[in-house]
Amino acid sequence: MRELARSNDVVFLSWLTTVLRSEGIEPVVLDGHTSVLEGSISAITRRVMVDDAQFDRARHLLKAASAEIERAEE
């Protein structure tokens, strides 16, 4: 497994896992339960992990989707 992204932003994490799953990549979000226990201070980031064999494709999807969002915001 390789780390694709790290964030405290639950909206971003939800969006990213949805994008990956829609393309047949099953992500694993680590530290989610620990983050819940810490309360609202968001000191512990969650990590999105993907299988080594799917990492390059997942990274490409993340970059492409992020670029599309940036273009839509302009």
Protein backbone atom coordinates (compact mmCIF):
# COMPACT_ATOMS: atom_id res chain seq x y z
CA MET A 1 0.00 0.00 0.00
CA ARG A 2 1.13 3.53 -0.77
CA GLU A 3 -0.09 6.84 0.58
CA LEU A 4 -1.94 8.87 -2.03
CA ALA A 5 -3.09 11.79 0.12
CA ARG A 6 -3.15 13.06 3.68
CA SER A 7 -5.76 15.47 5.00
CA ASN A 8 -7.97 16.58 7.89
CA ASP A 9 -10.66 17.74 5.45
CA VAL A 10 -13.46 15.16 5.63
CA VAL A 11 -15.16 16.60 2.54
CA PHE A 12 -11.98 16.19 0.49
CA LEU A 13 -11.47 12.66 1.80
CA SER A 14 -15.03 11.70 0.95
CA TRP A 15 -14.69 13.20 -2.54
CA LEU A 16 -11.38 11.45 -3.16
CA THR A 17 -12.59 8.03 -2.04
CA THR A 18 -15.69 8.42 -4.22
CA VAL A 19 -13.59 9.34 -7.27
CA LEU A 20 -11.29 6.37 -6.71
CA ARG A 21 -14.11 3.88 -6.14
CA SER A 22 -15.93 5.08 -9.25
CA GLU A 23 -12.83 4.05 -11.23
CA GLY A 24 -12.52 0.64 -9.59
CA ILE A 25 -9.80 1.54 -7.08
CA GLU A 26 -10.60 0.61 -3.49
CA PRO A 27 -8.87 3.09 -1.14
CA VAL A 28 -8.17 2.50 2.52
CA VAL A 29 -8.46 5.49 4.87
CA LEU A 30 -6.14 5.12 7.85
CA ASP A 31 -6.40 6.95 11.17
CA GLY A 32 -10.12 7.67 10.78
CA HIS A 33 -11.09 6.22 14.13
CA THR A 34 -8.25 8.00 15.91
CA SER A 35 -9.30 11.28 14.31
CA VAL A 36 -12.84 10.82 15.64
CA LEU A 37 -11.55 10.33 19.18
CA GLU A 38 -9.55 13.55 19.17
CA GLY A 39 -12.64 15.73 18.82
CA SER A 40 -12.76 18.86 16.71
CA ILE A 41 -9.11 19.92 16.94
CA SER A 42 -8.12 17.93 13.81
CA ALA A 43 -4.58 17.28 14.98
CA ILE A 44 -4.37 13.79 13.48
CA THR A 45 -4.57 13.62 9.72
CA ARG A 46 -6.21 10.79 7.84
CA ARG A 47 -4.23 9.00 5.14
CA VAL A 48 -5.70 7.63 1.92
CA MET A 49 -3.84 4.51 0.87
CA VAL A 50 -4.09 2.57 -2.39
CA ASP A 51 -2.62 -0.67 -3.65
CA ASP A 52 0.89 -0.33 -5.10
CA ALA A 53 -0.27 -1.63 -8.47
CA GLN A 54 -2.97 1.07 -8.68
CA PHE A 55 -0.97 3.98 -7.28
CA ASP A 56 0.04 5.63 -10.57
CA ARG A 57 -3.52 5.45 -11.91
CA ALA A 58 -4.92 6.79 -8.62
CA ARG A 59 -2.43 9.68 -8.62
CA HIS A 60 -3.40 10.53 -12.20
CA LEU A 61 -7.11 10.50 -11.27
CA LEU A 62 -6.44 12.78 -8.29
CA LYS A 63 -4.51 15.28 -10.41
CA ALA A 64 -7.06 15.25 -13.25
CA ALA A 65 -10.05 15.66 -10.94
CA SER A 66 -8.32 18.42 -8.95
CA ALA A 67 -7.49 20.29 -12.15
CA GLU A 68 -11.10 20.01 -13.31
CA ILE A 69 -12.32 21.50 -10.03
CA GLU A 70 -9.85 24.38 -10.30
CA ARG A 71 -11.02 25.15 -13.85
CA ALA A 72 -14.65 25.13 -12.71
CA GLU A 73 -13.87 27.59 -9.91
CA GLU A 74 -12.32 30.15 -12.27
